[in-house]
Amino acid sequence: TCQVTAVPVPAVSWFSLKNNQEPAMIKSRGDLSISIKDYKDGRMTSSLILHNVTQDHYGGYSCNATNTEGEASAIIRLVQPLSISGGGEALWRKRNNILLVFTSFIGWTKCR
């Protein structure tokens, strides 16, 4: 999940970051979908949803937001879970006038 705070409305896109390859823009397809919750009061939430996770899904993903005031991006890494332990992590990054927040849950993702 990528929470974006920006005015005016930003364009949000997701990229797959595979080793030794150029970043590839992700579009919704059978095993991947992208959702965007309504833009309200300068905030929106975009989620990258992986269906039936396989080894090919593990790795880095980038959430990028751009508008006329600037751009920002942050990276989240999906790692193979070693154990299930409580807790979650959050990462935020502000650049220019755009704020991105990533949230991860129990062992399935790790913010970096």
N, C-alpha and C. Protein backbone atom coordinates (compact mmCIF):
# COMPACT_ATOMS: atom_id res chain seq x y z
N THR A 1 0.84 -1.18 0.00
CA THR A 1 0.00 0.00 0.00
C THR A 1 0.88 1.24 0.00
N CYS A 2 0.52 2.20 -0.81
CA CYS A 2 1.26 3.44 -0.93
C CYS A 2 0.27 4.57 -0.67
N GLN A 3 0.46 5.30 0.40
CA GLN A 3 -0.40 6.44 0.71
C GLN A 3 0.28 7.69 0.19
N VAL A 4 -0.44 8.44 -0.61
CA VAL A 4 0.12 9.62 -1.25
C VAL A 4 -0.64 10.86 -0.79
N THR A 5 0.10 11.87 -0.38
CA THR A 5 -0.48 13.16 -0.03
C THR A 5 0.11 14.19 -0.99
N ALA A 6 -0.74 14.80 -1.81
CA ALA A 6 -0.25 15.74 -2.81
C ALA A 6 -1.39 16.59 -3.34
N VAL A 7 -1.08 17.84 -3.64
CA VAL A 7 -2.01 18.75 -4.30
C VAL A 7 -1.21 19.47 -5.37
N PRO A 8 -1.67 19.49 -6.62
CA PRO A 8 -2.89 18.88 -7.16
C PRO A 8 -2.80 17.35 -7.24
N VAL A 9 -3.89 16.75 -7.72
CA VAL A 9 -3.99 15.29 -7.80
C VAL A 9 -2.79 14.72 -8.54
N PRO A 10 -2.11 13.72 -7.94
CA PRO A 10 -0.96 13.12 -8.61
C PRO A 10 -1.35 11.92 -9.47
N ALA A 11 -0.49 11.60 -10.42
CA ALA A 11 -0.60 10.34 -11.15
C ALA A 11 0.28 9.35 -10.38
N VAL A 12 -0.27 8.18 -10.06
CA VAL A 12 0.47 7.17 -9.30
C VAL A 12 0.68 5.96 -10.19
N SER A 13 1.91 5.47 -10.26
CA SER A 13 2.21 4.26 -11.02
C SER A 13 3.13 3.35 -10.22
N TRP A 14 3.06 2.08 -10.53
CA TRP A 14 3.87 1.05 -9.86
C TRP A 14 4.84 0.45 -10.87
N PHE A 15 6.05 0.13 -10.39
CA PHE A 15 7.07 -0.48 -11.23
C PHE A 15 7.65 -1.70 -10.54
N SER A 16 7.97 -2.70 -11.32
CA SER A 16 8.68 -3.88 -10.84
C SER A 16 10.17 -3.62 -10.99
N LEU A 17 10.93 -3.92 -9.94
CA LEU A 17 12.37 -3.69 -9.95
C LEU A 17 13.08 -5.03 -9.89
N LYS A 18 13.31 -5.63 -11.01
CA LYS A 18 14.01 -6.92 -11.09
C LYS A 18 15.50 -6.69 -11.26
N ASN A 19 16.30 -7.58 -10.70
CA ASN A 19 17.76 -7.46 -10.81
C ASN A 19 18.20 -7.42 -12.27
N ASN A 20 19.13 -6.52 -12.55
CA ASN A 20 19.75 -6.40 -13.88
C ASN A 20 18.77 -6.09 -15.00
N GLN A 21 17.61 -5.54 -14.66
CA GLN A 21 16.64 -5.17 -15.69
C GLN A 21 16.18 -3.74 -15.43
N GLU A 22 15.74 -3.10 -16.47
CA GLU A 22 15.15 -1.77 -16.33
C GLU A 22 13.84 -1.90 -15.56
N PRO A 23 13.47 -0.89 -14.77
CA PRO A 23 12.17 -0.93 -14.10
C PRO A 23 11.05 -1.09 -15.14
N ALA A 24 10.09 -1.94 -14.83
CA ALA A 24 8.98 -2.20 -15.76
C ALA A 24 7.67 -1.74 -15.13
N MET A 25 6.94 -0.88 -15.85
CA MET A 25 5.66 -0.41 -15.34
C MET A 25 4.69 -1.58 -15.21
N ILE A 26 3.97 -1.61 -14.10
CA ILE A 26 3.02 -2.69 -13.84
C ILE A 26 1.63 -2.22 -14.24
N LYS A 27 0.94 -3.07 -14.95
CA LYS A 27 -0.46 -2.84 -15.29
C LYS A 27 -1.25 -4.02 -14.75
N SER A 28 -2.49 -3.78 -14.35
CA SER A 28 -3.31 -4.87 -13.83
C SER A 28 -3.43 -5.97 -14.86
N ARG A 29 -3.28 -7.21 -14.39
CA ARG A 29 -3.44 -8.39 -15.24
C ARG A 29 -3.85 -9.54 -14.33
N GLY A 30 -3.85 -10.75 -14.80
CA GLY A 30 -4.36 -11.89 -14.05
C GLY A 30 -3.84 -12.03 -12.62
N ASP A 31 -2.52 -11.98 -12.43
CA ASP A 31 -1.97 -12.23 -11.08
C ASP A 31 -1.60 -10.95 -10.33
N LEU A 32 -1.79 -9.78 -10.95
CA LEU A 32 -1.48 -8.49 -10.32
C LEU A 32 -2.63 -7.53 -10.56
N SER A 33 -2.99 -6.80 -9.52
CA SER A 33 -3.97 -5.74 -9.72
C SER A 33 -3.57 -4.52 -8.90
N ILE A 34 -3.96 -3.37 -9.40
CA ILE A 34 -3.66 -2.11 -8.75
C ILE A 34 -4.99 -1.45 -8.41
N SER A 35 -5.12 -1.03 -7.14
CA SER A 35 -6.33 -0.31 -6.75
C SER A 35 -5.94 1.08 -6.29
N ILE A 36 -6.83 2.02 -6.53
CA ILE A 36 -6.63 3.39 -6.08
C ILE A 36 -7.91 3.82 -5.37
N LYS A 37 -7.75 4.21 -4.11
CA LYS A 37 -8.90 4.70 -3.36
C LYS A 37 -9.05 6.19 -3.64
N ASP A 38 -10.26 6.67 -3.48
CA ASP A 38 -10.61 8.05 -3.82
C ASP A 38 -9.63 9.08 -3.28
N TYR A 39 -9.42 10.10 -4.09
CA TYR A 39 -8.61 11.25 -3.72
C TYR A 39 -9.50 12.19 -2.93
N LYS A 40 -9.12 12.46 -1.68
CA LYS A 40 -9.91 13.34 -0.84
C LYS A 40 -8.99 14.11 0.09
N ASP A 41 -9.20 15.39 0.19
CA ASP A 41 -8.41 16.25 1.08
C ASP A 41 -6.91 16.10 0.82
N GLY A 42 -6.52 15.95 -0.45
CA GLY A 42 -5.11 15.87 -0.81
C GLY A 42 -4.49 14.51 -0.59
N ARG A 43 -5.29 13.48 -0.28
CA ARG A 43 -4.75 12.14 -0.01
C ARG A 43 -5.41 11.07 -0.87
N MET A 44 -4.61 10.07 -1.20
CA MET A 44 -5.12 8.89 -1.90
C MET A 44 -4.28 7.69 -1.49
N THR A 45 -4.84 6.52 -1.67
CA THR A 45 -4.12 5.28 -1.36
C THR A 45 -4.13 4.40 -2.60
N SER A 46 -2.94 3.93 -2.98
CA SER A 46 -2.82 3.00 -4.10
C SER A 46 -2.23 1.70 -3.56
N SER A 47 -2.82 0.59 -3.95
CA SER A 47 -2.35 -0.72 -3.49
C SER A 47 -1.99 -1.59 -4.67
N LEU A 48 -0.88 -2.28 -4.54
CA LEU A 48 -0.49 -3.30 -5.51
C LEU A 48 -0.87 -4.63 -4.88
N ILE A 49 -1.74 -5.39 -5.54
CA ILE A 49 -2.25 -6.64 -5.00
C ILE A 49 -1.71 -7.79 -5.82
N LEU A 50 -1.02 -8.71 -5.16
CA LEU A 50 -0.46 -9.89 -5.81
C LEU A 50 -1.35 -11.08 -5.49
N HIS A 51 -1.88 -11.72 -6.51
CA HIS A 51 -2.75 -12.88 -6.33
C HIS A 51 -1.93 -14.14 -6.52
N ASN A 52 -2.11 -15.13 -5.65
CA ASN A 52 -1.38 -16.40 -5.75
C ASN A 52 0.12 -16.17 -5.90
N VAL A 53 0.72 -15.63 -4.86
CA VAL A 53 2.14 -15.26 -4.89
C VAL A 53 3.03 -16.45 -5.22
N THR A 54 3.94 -16.23 -6.17
CA THR A 54 4.93 -17.24 -6.55
C THR A 54 6.32 -16.66 -6.34
N GLN A 55 7.33 -17.46 -6.54
CA GLN A 55 8.71 -17.02 -6.40
C GLN A 55 9.01 -15.82 -7.30
N ASP A 56 8.37 -15.76 -8.46
CA ASP A 56 8.59 -14.66 -9.40
C ASP A 56 8.14 -13.30 -8.85
N HIS A 57 7.23 -13.31 -7.88
CA HIS A 57 6.72 -12.05 -7.32
C HIS A 57 7.68 -11.43 -6.31
N TYR A 58 8.56 -12.22 -5.71
CA TYR A 58 9.45 -11.67 -4.70
C TYR A 58 10.44 -10.70 -5.34
N GLY A 59 10.70 -9.60 -4.64
CA GLY A 59 11.62 -8.60 -5.15
C GLY A 59 11.11 -7.21 -4.86
N GLY A 60 11.68 -6.23 -5.54
CA GLY A 60 11.36 -4.83 -5.28
C GLY A 60 10.27 -4.28 -6.16
N TYR A 61 9.52 -3.35 -5.58
CA TYR A 61 8.48 -2.63 -6.29
C TYR A 61 8.59 -1.16 -5.93
N SER A 62 8.31 -0.31 -6.88
CA SER A 62 8.38 1.13 -6.65
C SER A 62 7.02 1.75 -6.90
N CYS A 63 6.62 2.61 -5.97
CA CYS A 63 5.40 3.41 -6.14
C CYS A 63 5.86 4.82 -6.48
N ASN A 64 5.41 5.35 -7.60
CA ASN A 64 5.84 6.67 -8.06
C ASN A 64 4.63 7.59 -8.16
N ALA A 65 4.76 8.80 -7.64
CA ALA A 65 3.69 9.79 -7.72
C ALA A 65 4.26 11.06 -8.35
N THR A 66 3.52 11.62 -9.30
CA THR A 66 3.96 12.86 -9.95
C THR A 66 2.77 13.79 -10.14
N ASN A 67 3.05 15.07 -10.03
CA ASN A 67 2.07 16.08 -10.39
C ASN A 67 2.84 17.32 -10.85
N THR A 68 2.15 18.42 -11.06
CA THR A 68 2.83 19.61 -11.57
C THR A 68 3.78 20.23 -10.56
N GLU A 69 3.68 19.84 -9.30
CA GLU A 69 4.54 20.40 -8.25
C GLU A 69 5.80 19.58 -8.00
N GLY A 70 5.86 18.35 -8.53
CA GLY A 70 7.04 17.53 -8.31
C GLY A 70 6.76 16.05 -8.45
N GLU A 71 7.69 15.27 -7.93
CA GLU A 71 7.56 13.82 -8.02
C GLU A 71 8.20 13.20 -6.78
N ALA A 72 7.76 12.00 -6.46
CA ALA A 72 8.34 11.26 -5.34
C ALA A 72 8.17 9.78 -5.64
N SER A 73 9.06 8.99 -5.08
CA SER A 73 8.93 7.54 -5.24
C SER A 73 9.50 6.89 -3.99
N ALA A 74 9.07 5.68 -3.75
CA ALA A 74 9.59 4.90 -2.63
C ALA A 74 9.54 3.44 -3.05
N ILE A 75 10.39 2.65 -2.43
CA ILE A 75 10.53 1.24 -2.80
C ILE A 75 10.06 0.36 -1.65
N ILE A 76 9.35 -0.68 -2.01
CA ILE A 76 8.94 -1.70 -1.05
C ILE A 76 9.42 -3.03 -1.60
N ARG A 77 9.86 -3.90 -0.71
CA ARG A 77 10.41 -5.19 -1.12
C ARG A 77 9.55 -6.31 -0.57
N LEU A 78 9.11 -7.20 -1.44
CA LEU A 78 8.37 -8.39 -1.04
C LEU A 78 9.39 -9.50 -0.86
N VAL A 79 9.49 -10.00 0.37
CA VAL A 79 10.45 -11.05 0.67
C VAL A 79 9.71 -12.31 1.09
N GLN A 80 10.34 -13.45 0.83
CA GLN A 80 9.75 -14.72 1.21
C GLN A 80 9.76 -14.80 2.74
N PRO A 81 8.60 -15.09 3.34
CA PRO A 81 8.54 -15.11 4.81
C PRO A 81 9.35 -16.26 5.39
N LEU A 82 10.13 -15.94 6.43
CA LEU A 82 10.88 -16.96 7.14
C LEU A 82 10.08 -17.46 8.33
N SER A 83 9.37 -16.55 8.96
CA SER A 83 8.51 -16.92 10.08
C SER A 83 7.44 -15.85 10.22
N ILE A 84 6.39 -16.21 10.88
CA ILE A 84 5.33 -15.25 11.11
C ILE A 84 5.51 -14.68 12.50
N SER A 85 5.76 -13.40 12.56
CA SER A 85 5.88 -12.74 13.86
C SER A 85 5.07 -11.46 13.80
N GLY A 86 4.60 -11.03 14.93
CA GLY A 86 3.72 -9.86 14.97
C GLY A 86 4.43 -8.58 14.58
N GLY A 87 3.63 -7.60 14.33
CA GLY A 87 4.18 -6.28 14.06
C GLY A 87 4.15 -5.92 12.60
N GLY A 88 4.34 -4.69 12.34
CA GLY A 88 4.42 -4.19 10.98
C GLY A 88 5.40 -3.04 10.95
N GLU A 89 5.73 -2.60 9.78
CA GLU A 89 6.67 -1.50 9.63
C GLU A 89 6.06 -0.46 8.71
N ALA A 90 6.49 0.74 8.86
CA ALA A 90 6.03 1.79 7.96
C ALA A 90 7.23 2.61 7.52
N LEU A 91 7.15 3.12 6.34
CA LEU A 91 8.21 3.95 5.78
C LEU A 91 7.55 5.14 5.12
N TRP A 92 8.08 6.31 5.34
CA TRP A 92 7.56 7.46 4.61
C TRP A 92 8.72 8.23 4.01
N ARG A 93 8.42 8.87 2.94
CA ARG A 93 9.43 9.67 2.26
C ARG A 93 8.74 10.89 1.68
N LYS A 94 9.28 12.05 1.95
CA LYS A 94 8.72 13.28 1.40
C LYS A 94 9.75 13.90 0.47
N ARG A 95 9.29 14.29 -0.68
CA ARG A 95 10.15 14.94 -1.65
C ARG A 95 9.32 15.98 -2.36
N ASN A 96 9.81 17.18 -2.40
CA ASN A 96 9.05 18.31 -2.92
C ASN A 96 7.75 18.42 -2.13
N ASN A 97 6.61 18.41 -2.77
CA ASN A 97 5.34 18.54 -2.06
C ASN A 97 4.52 17.27 -2.08
N ILE A 98 5.17 16.11 -2.21
CA ILE A 98 4.44 14.85 -2.26
C ILE A 98 4.94 13.96 -1.12
N LEU A 99 4.02 13.38 -0.38
CA LEU A 99 4.36 12.48 0.71
C LEU A 99 3.86 11.08 0.38
N LEU A 100 4.75 10.08 0.48
CA LEU A 100 4.38 8.69 0.25
C LEU A 100 4.54 7.92 1.55
N VAL A 101 3.60 7.04 1.86
CA VAL A 101 3.71 6.20 3.04
C VAL A 101 3.47 4.76 2.62
N PHE A 102 4.40 3.86 3.00
CA PHE A 102 4.25 2.44 2.74
C PHE A 102 3.97 1.75 4.06
N THR A 103 3.13 0.75 4.02
CA THR A 103 2.85 -0.04 5.21
C THR A 103 3.06 -1.50 4.87
N SER A 104 3.67 -2.23 5.79
CA SER A 104 3.85 -3.66 5.56
C SER A 104 3.25 -4.42 6.73
N PHE A 105 2.93 -5.67 6.52
CA PHE A 105 2.30 -6.49 7.53
C PHE A 105 3.08 -7.78 7.74
N ILE A 106 2.84 -8.39 8.84
CA ILE A 106 3.43 -9.63 9.33
C ILE A 106 4.27 -10.43 8.35
N GLY A 107 5.49 -10.14 8.23
CA GLY A 107 6.44 -11.00 7.53
C GLY A 107 6.31 -11.11 6.03
N TRP A 108 5.24 -10.62 5.44
CA TRP A 108 5.07 -10.80 4.00
C TRP A 108 5.80 -9.74 3.20
N THR A 109 5.91 -8.56 3.75
CA THR A 109 6.63 -7.52 3.04
C THR A 109 7.58 -6.84 4.00
N LYS A 110 8.58 -6.25 3.47
CA LYS A 110 9.55 -5.53 4.30
C LYS A 110 9.85 -4.21 3.62
N CYS A 111 9.65 -3.15 4.34
CA CYS A 111 9.93 -1.84 3.77
C CYS A 111 11.43 -1.60 3.80
N ARG A 112 11.90 -0.90 2.82
CA ARG A 112 13.33 -0.63 2.74
C ARG A 112 13.59 0.79 2.35
